[in-house]
Amino acid sequence: MSFSERRNTTRWIIVFISFLIITLILWNTYTFFQIFKNEERLKMNLWANAQKTLINADENTDLDLPLDILNNNTSVPVMLTMYDKVISSVNVPEEILADKKNHSRI
């Protein structure tokens, strides 16, 4: 009888520890993605502000920092278009550039 009771208790302890481990893994994953999301949002805001500064620049505006931000872009896909023609692109896969049907959706 005592062997059966110990076995039952051991099973519940294993179930509880497994549940605790899974909960910790999910919590850490959620925390990581929240941090990642916030960092990406900050990077995009910085990139957008650099773009606005460059567009609204006059002769007296210092463009060193915005140009550094835009030129060091390694992750944001950018396409410069004029009259439905792609003039230049950065970080855009060649398959997308070669497919003429996608240009109307971009």
N, C-alpha and C. Protein backbone atom coordinates (compact mmCIF):
# COMPACT_ATOMS: atom_id res chain seq x y z
N MET A 1 0.81 -1.18 0.00
CA MET A 1 0.00 0.00 0.00
C MET A 1 0.86 1.26 0.00
N SER A 2 1.90 1.30 0.77
CA SER A 2 2.74 2.48 0.84
C SER A 2 3.49 2.71 -0.48
N PHE A 3 3.82 1.65 -1.18
CA PHE A 3 4.47 1.79 -2.49
C PHE A 3 3.57 2.51 -3.48
N SER A 4 2.28 2.19 -3.48
CA SER A 4 1.32 2.81 -4.37
C SER A 4 1.11 4.28 -4.03
N GLU A 5 1.07 4.62 -2.76
CA GLU A 5 0.89 6.01 -2.34
C GLU A 5 2.12 6.85 -2.72
N ARG A 6 3.31 6.30 -2.54
CA ARG A 6 4.54 7.02 -2.93
C ARG A 6 4.58 7.24 -4.43
N ARG A 7 4.15 6.26 -5.15
CA ARG A 7 4.16 6.35 -6.61
C ARG A 7 3.21 7.46 -7.08
N ASN A 8 2.06 7.53 -6.47
CA ASN A 8 1.09 8.57 -6.80
C ASN A 8 1.65 9.95 -6.47
N THR A 9 2.25 10.09 -5.31
CA THR A 9 2.84 11.36 -4.90
C THR A 9 3.97 11.76 -5.83
N THR A 10 4.79 10.81 -6.21
CA THR A 10 5.89 11.08 -7.13
C THR A 10 5.37 11.54 -8.47
N ARG A 11 4.32 10.95 -8.96
CA ARG A 11 3.72 11.37 -10.23
C ARG A 11 3.23 12.82 -10.15
N TRP A 12 2.57 13.18 -9.08
CA TRP A 12 2.07 14.55 -8.93
C TRP A 12 3.22 15.55 -8.82
N ILE A 13 4.28 15.17 -8.17
CA ILE A 13 5.45 16.05 -8.08
C ILE A 13 6.06 16.25 -9.46
N ILE A 14 6.18 15.19 -10.23
CA ILE A 14 6.72 15.29 -11.58
C ILE A 14 5.82 16.14 -12.47
N VAL A 15 4.51 15.97 -12.35
CA VAL A 15 3.57 16.78 -13.13
C VAL A 15 3.70 18.24 -12.75
N PHE A 16 3.78 18.54 -11.46
CA PHE A 16 3.90 19.93 -11.01
C PHE A 16 5.21 20.56 -11.49
N ILE A 17 6.31 19.84 -11.38
CA ILE A 17 7.61 20.36 -11.83
C ILE A 17 7.60 20.57 -13.34
N SER A 18 7.00 19.67 -14.10
CA SER A 18 6.89 19.83 -15.55
C SER A 18 6.07 21.07 -15.90
N PHE A 19 4.96 21.25 -15.21
CA PHE A 19 4.13 22.43 -15.42
C PHE A 19 4.90 23.70 -15.10
N LEU A 20 5.67 23.69 -14.03
CA LEU A 20 6.47 24.85 -13.64
C LEU A 20 7.54 25.17 -14.68
N ILE A 21 8.19 24.16 -15.21
CA ILE A 21 9.22 24.37 -16.24
C ILE A 21 8.61 24.94 -17.51
N ILE A 22 7.49 24.40 -17.93
CA ILE A 22 6.82 24.90 -19.14
C ILE A 22 6.37 26.34 -18.95
N THR A 23 5.85 26.65 -17.77
CA THR A 23 5.43 28.02 -17.47
C THR A 23 6.61 28.99 -17.53
N LEU A 24 7.74 28.61 -16.97
CA LEU A 24 8.93 29.46 -17.00
C LEU A 24 9.44 29.66 -18.43
N ILE A 25 9.42 28.62 -19.22
CA ILE A 25 9.87 28.75 -20.62
C ILE A 25 8.95 29.70 -21.38
N LEU A 26 7.65 29.55 -21.23
CA LEU A 26 6.70 30.44 -21.92
C LEU A 26 6.84 31.88 -21.44
N TRP A 27 7.02 32.08 -20.16
CA TRP A 27 7.17 33.43 -19.62
C TRP A 27 8.45 34.09 -20.16
N ASN A 28 9.56 33.34 -20.19
CA ASN A 28 10.81 33.89 -20.73
C ASN A 28 10.69 34.19 -22.22
N THR A 29 10.00 33.35 -22.96
CA THR A 29 9.80 33.59 -24.39
C THR A 29 8.97 34.84 -24.61
N TYR A 30 7.91 35.00 -23.84
CA TYR A 30 7.06 36.19 -23.94
C TYR A 30 7.87 37.44 -23.62
N THR A 31 8.66 37.41 -22.56
CA THR A 31 9.48 38.55 -22.17
C THR A 31 10.49 38.89 -23.25
N PHE A 32 11.13 37.88 -23.82
CA PHE A 32 12.09 38.11 -24.90
C PHE A 32 11.44 38.81 -26.08
N PHE A 33 10.28 38.34 -26.49
CA PHE A 33 9.63 38.94 -27.66
C PHE A 33 9.11 40.35 -27.37
N GLN A 34 8.74 40.63 -26.14
CA GLN A 34 8.35 42.00 -25.80
C GLN A 34 9.54 42.94 -25.90
N ILE A 35 10.70 42.51 -25.41
CA ILE A 35 11.92 43.32 -25.51
C ILE A 35 12.29 43.50 -26.98
N PHE A 36 12.24 42.42 -27.76
CA PHE A 36 12.56 42.47 -29.17
C PHE A 36 11.63 43.43 -29.91
N LYS A 37 10.35 43.37 -29.61
CA LYS A 37 9.35 44.23 -30.25
C LYS A 37 9.63 45.70 -29.95
N ASN A 38 9.94 46.00 -28.70
CA ASN A 38 10.22 47.38 -28.32
C ASN A 38 11.50 47.91 -28.98
N GLU A 39 12.53 47.08 -29.07
CA GLU A 39 13.76 47.51 -29.73
C GLU A 39 13.54 47.76 -31.21
N GLU A 40 12.78 46.91 -31.87
CA GLU A 40 12.48 47.12 -33.28
C GLU A 40 11.65 48.37 -33.50
N ARG A 41 10.71 48.64 -32.61
CA ARG A 41 9.91 49.85 -32.70
C ARG A 41 10.80 51.10 -32.57
N LEU A 42 11.75 51.07 -31.64
CA LEU A 42 12.67 52.19 -31.47
C LEU A 42 13.53 52.39 -32.71
N LYS A 43 14.01 51.29 -33.28
CA LYS A 43 14.82 51.39 -34.51
C LYS A 43 14.01 51.99 -35.66
N MET A 44 12.77 51.57 -35.80
CA MET A 44 11.93 52.09 -36.88
C MET A 44 11.62 53.57 -36.67
N ASN A 45 11.39 53.98 -35.42
CA ASN A 45 11.16 55.40 -35.15
C ASN A 45 12.39 56.23 -35.47
N LEU A 46 13.55 55.71 -35.14
CA LEU A 46 14.80 56.40 -35.45
C LEU A 46 14.99 56.51 -36.96
N TRP A 47 14.70 55.42 -37.66
CA TRP A 47 14.84 55.43 -39.12
C TRP A 47 13.84 56.40 -39.76
N ALA A 48 12.61 56.42 -39.26
CA ALA A 48 11.59 57.32 -39.80
C ALA A 48 11.95 58.78 -39.53
N ASN A 49 12.47 59.06 -38.35
CA ASN A 49 12.89 60.42 -38.04
C ASN A 49 14.07 60.86 -38.91
N ALA A 50 14.98 59.95 -39.19
CA ALA A 50 16.09 60.28 -40.09
C ALA A 50 15.57 60.58 -41.49
N GLN A 51 14.59 59.80 -41.93
CA GLN A 51 13.99 60.02 -43.26
C GLN A 51 13.29 61.38 -43.31
N LYS A 52 12.54 61.72 -42.26
CA LYS A 52 11.85 63.02 -42.21
C LYS A 52 12.85 64.17 -42.20
N THR A 53 13.92 64.01 -41.44
CA THR A 53 14.94 65.05 -41.38
C THR A 53 15.57 65.26 -42.74
N LEU A 54 15.84 64.18 -43.45
CA LEU A 54 16.44 64.27 -44.77
C LEU A 54 15.48 64.93 -45.77
N ILE A 55 14.21 64.59 -45.70
CA ILE A 55 13.23 65.16 -46.62
C ILE A 55 13.01 66.64 -46.36
N ASN A 56 12.96 67.03 -45.10
CA ASN A 56 12.67 68.41 -44.73
C ASN A 56 13.93 69.26 -44.56
N ALA A 57 15.06 68.79 -45.01
CA ALA A 57 16.33 69.50 -44.80
C ALA A 57 16.42 70.74 -45.68
N ASP A 58 17.06 71.73 -45.12
CA ASP A 58 17.39 72.91 -45.91
C ASP A 58 18.91 73.03 -45.97
N GLU A 59 19.42 74.15 -46.44
CA GLU A 59 20.86 74.31 -46.63
C GLU A 59 21.64 74.31 -45.33
N ASN A 60 21.00 74.70 -44.22
CA ASN A 60 21.70 74.82 -42.95
C ASN A 60 21.59 73.56 -42.08
N THR A 61 20.87 72.55 -42.54
CA THR A 61 20.66 71.35 -41.74
C THR A 61 21.87 70.43 -41.82
N ASP A 62 22.28 69.94 -40.65
CA ASP A 62 23.38 68.97 -40.60
C ASP A 62 22.81 67.59 -40.90
N LEU A 63 23.27 66.98 -41.98
CA LEU A 63 22.70 65.71 -42.44
C LEU A 63 23.59 64.50 -42.14
N ASP A 64 24.63 64.68 -41.34
CA ASP A 64 25.54 63.56 -41.08
C ASP A 64 24.86 62.40 -40.37
N LEU A 65 24.15 62.69 -39.29
CA LEU A 65 23.50 61.61 -38.54
C LEU A 65 22.37 60.94 -39.32
N PRO A 66 21.44 61.69 -39.94
CA PRO A 66 20.40 60.99 -40.72
C PRO A 66 20.96 60.16 -41.87
N LEU A 67 21.99 60.66 -42.53
CA LEU A 67 22.58 59.87 -43.62
C LEU A 67 23.28 58.63 -43.09
N ASP A 68 23.93 58.72 -41.94
CA ASP A 68 24.54 57.54 -41.34
C ASP A 68 23.48 56.49 -40.99
N ILE A 69 22.37 56.94 -40.44
CA ILE A 69 21.30 56.01 -40.07
C ILE A 69 20.73 55.33 -41.32
N LEU A 70 20.48 56.09 -42.36
CA LEU A 70 19.89 55.52 -43.57
C LEU A 70 20.88 54.64 -44.32
N ASN A 71 22.15 55.01 -44.35
CA ASN A 71 23.15 54.23 -45.08
C ASN A 71 23.53 52.95 -44.34
N ASN A 72 23.41 52.91 -43.03
CA ASN A 72 23.77 51.72 -42.26
C ASN A 72 22.59 50.78 -42.04
N ASN A 73 21.52 50.99 -42.77
CA ASN A 73 20.35 50.14 -42.68
C ASN A 73 20.69 48.75 -43.22
N THR A 74 20.54 47.73 -42.37
CA THR A 74 20.81 46.36 -42.80
C THR A 74 19.60 45.45 -42.68
N SER A 75 18.47 45.99 -42.23
CA SER A 75 17.33 45.10 -42.03
C SER A 75 16.02 45.62 -42.61
N VAL A 76 15.87 46.92 -42.77
CA VAL A 76 14.61 47.47 -43.24
C VAL A 76 14.60 47.48 -44.77
N PRO A 77 13.62 46.81 -45.40
CA PRO A 77 13.54 46.84 -46.86
C PRO A 77 13.04 48.21 -47.34
N VAL A 78 13.76 48.80 -48.29
CA VAL A 78 13.42 50.12 -48.80
C VAL A 78 13.46 50.08 -50.31
N MET A 79 12.42 50.64 -50.95
CA MET A 79 12.39 50.76 -52.40
C MET A 79 12.11 52.21 -52.76
N LEU A 80 12.95 52.77 -53.60
CA LEU A 80 12.72 54.12 -54.11
C LEU A 80 12.09 53.97 -55.48
N THR A 81 10.87 54.50 -55.62
CA THR A 81 10.15 54.37 -56.88
C THR A 81 9.79 55.73 -57.43
N MET A 82 9.61 55.76 -58.75
CA MET A 82 9.13 56.97 -59.41
C MET A 82 8.30 56.53 -60.61
N TYR A 83 7.06 56.94 -60.62
CA TYR A 83 6.14 56.61 -61.71
C TYR A 83 6.09 55.11 -61.97
N ASP A 84 5.88 54.33 -60.93
CA ASP A 84 5.75 52.87 -60.99
C ASP A 84 7.00 52.15 -61.47
N LYS A 85 8.15 52.79 -61.40
CA LYS A 85 9.41 52.13 -61.72
C LYS A 85 10.30 52.16 -60.49
N VAL A 86 10.96 51.05 -60.23
CA VAL A 86 11.87 50.97 -59.09
C VAL A 86 13.19 51.59 -59.49
N ILE A 87 13.58 52.65 -58.79
CA ILE A 87 14.84 53.33 -59.09
C ILE A 87 15.99 52.66 -58.34
N SER A 88 15.79 52.41 -57.05
CA SER A 88 16.80 51.70 -56.27
C SER A 88 16.10 50.96 -55.14
N SER A 89 16.80 49.98 -54.59
CA SER A 89 16.23 49.21 -53.49
C SER A 89 17.35 48.73 -52.57
N VAL A 90 16.99 48.56 -51.31
CA VAL A 90 17.91 48.06 -50.29
C VAL A 90 17.18 47.01 -49.48
N ASN A 91 17.82 45.87 -49.27
CA ASN A 91 17.28 44.78 -48.45
C ASN A 91 15.96 44.22 -48.99
N VAL A 92 15.79 44.26 -50.29
CA VAL A 92 14.61 43.66 -50.91
C VAL A 92 15.09 42.45 -51.72
N PRO A 93 14.50 41.27 -51.48
CA PRO A 93 14.93 40.09 -52.22
C PRO A 93 14.76 40.26 -53.73
N GLU A 94 15.66 39.66 -54.48
CA GLU A 94 15.64 39.76 -55.95
C GLU A 94 14.37 39.19 -56.55
N GLU A 95 13.78 38.15 -55.90
CA GLU A 95 12.55 37.56 -56.43
C GLU A 95 11.43 38.59 -56.47
N ILE A 96 11.38 39.43 -55.47
CA ILE A 96 10.32 40.45 -55.41
C ILE A 96 10.57 41.52 -56.47
N LEU A 97 11.81 41.90 -56.64
CA LEU A 97 12.13 42.91 -57.65
C LEU A 97 11.88 42.40 -59.06
N ALA A 98 12.14 41.11 -59.29
CA ALA A 98 11.97 40.55 -60.62
C ALA A 98 10.50 40.30 -60.97
N ASP A 99 9.66 40.12 -59.98
CA ASP A 99 8.27 39.83 -60.23
C ASP A 99 7.48 41.13 -60.46
N LYS A 100 7.10 41.39 -61.69
CA LYS A 100 6.41 42.64 -62.05
C LYS A 100 5.04 42.74 -61.41
N LYS A 101 4.39 41.61 -61.11
CA LYS A 101 3.06 41.64 -60.53
C LYS A 101 3.09 42.22 -59.12
N ASN A 102 4.16 41.98 -58.38
CA ASN A 102 4.27 42.46 -57.00
C ASN A 102 4.46 43.97 -56.95
N HIS A 103 4.96 44.59 -57.99
CA HIS A 103 5.24 46.02 -57.95
C HIS A 103 3.98 46.85 -57.76
N SER A 104 2.86 46.36 -58.24
CA SER A 104 1.63 47.13 -58.06
C SER A 104 1.10 47.02 -56.64
N ARG A 105 1.52 45.98 -55.90
CA ARG A 105 1.06 45.79 -54.53
C ARG A 105 1.98 46.43 -53.51
N ILE A 106 3.16 46.86 -53.90
CA ILE A 106 4.13 47.40 -52.97
C ILE A 106 3.83 48.86 -52.70
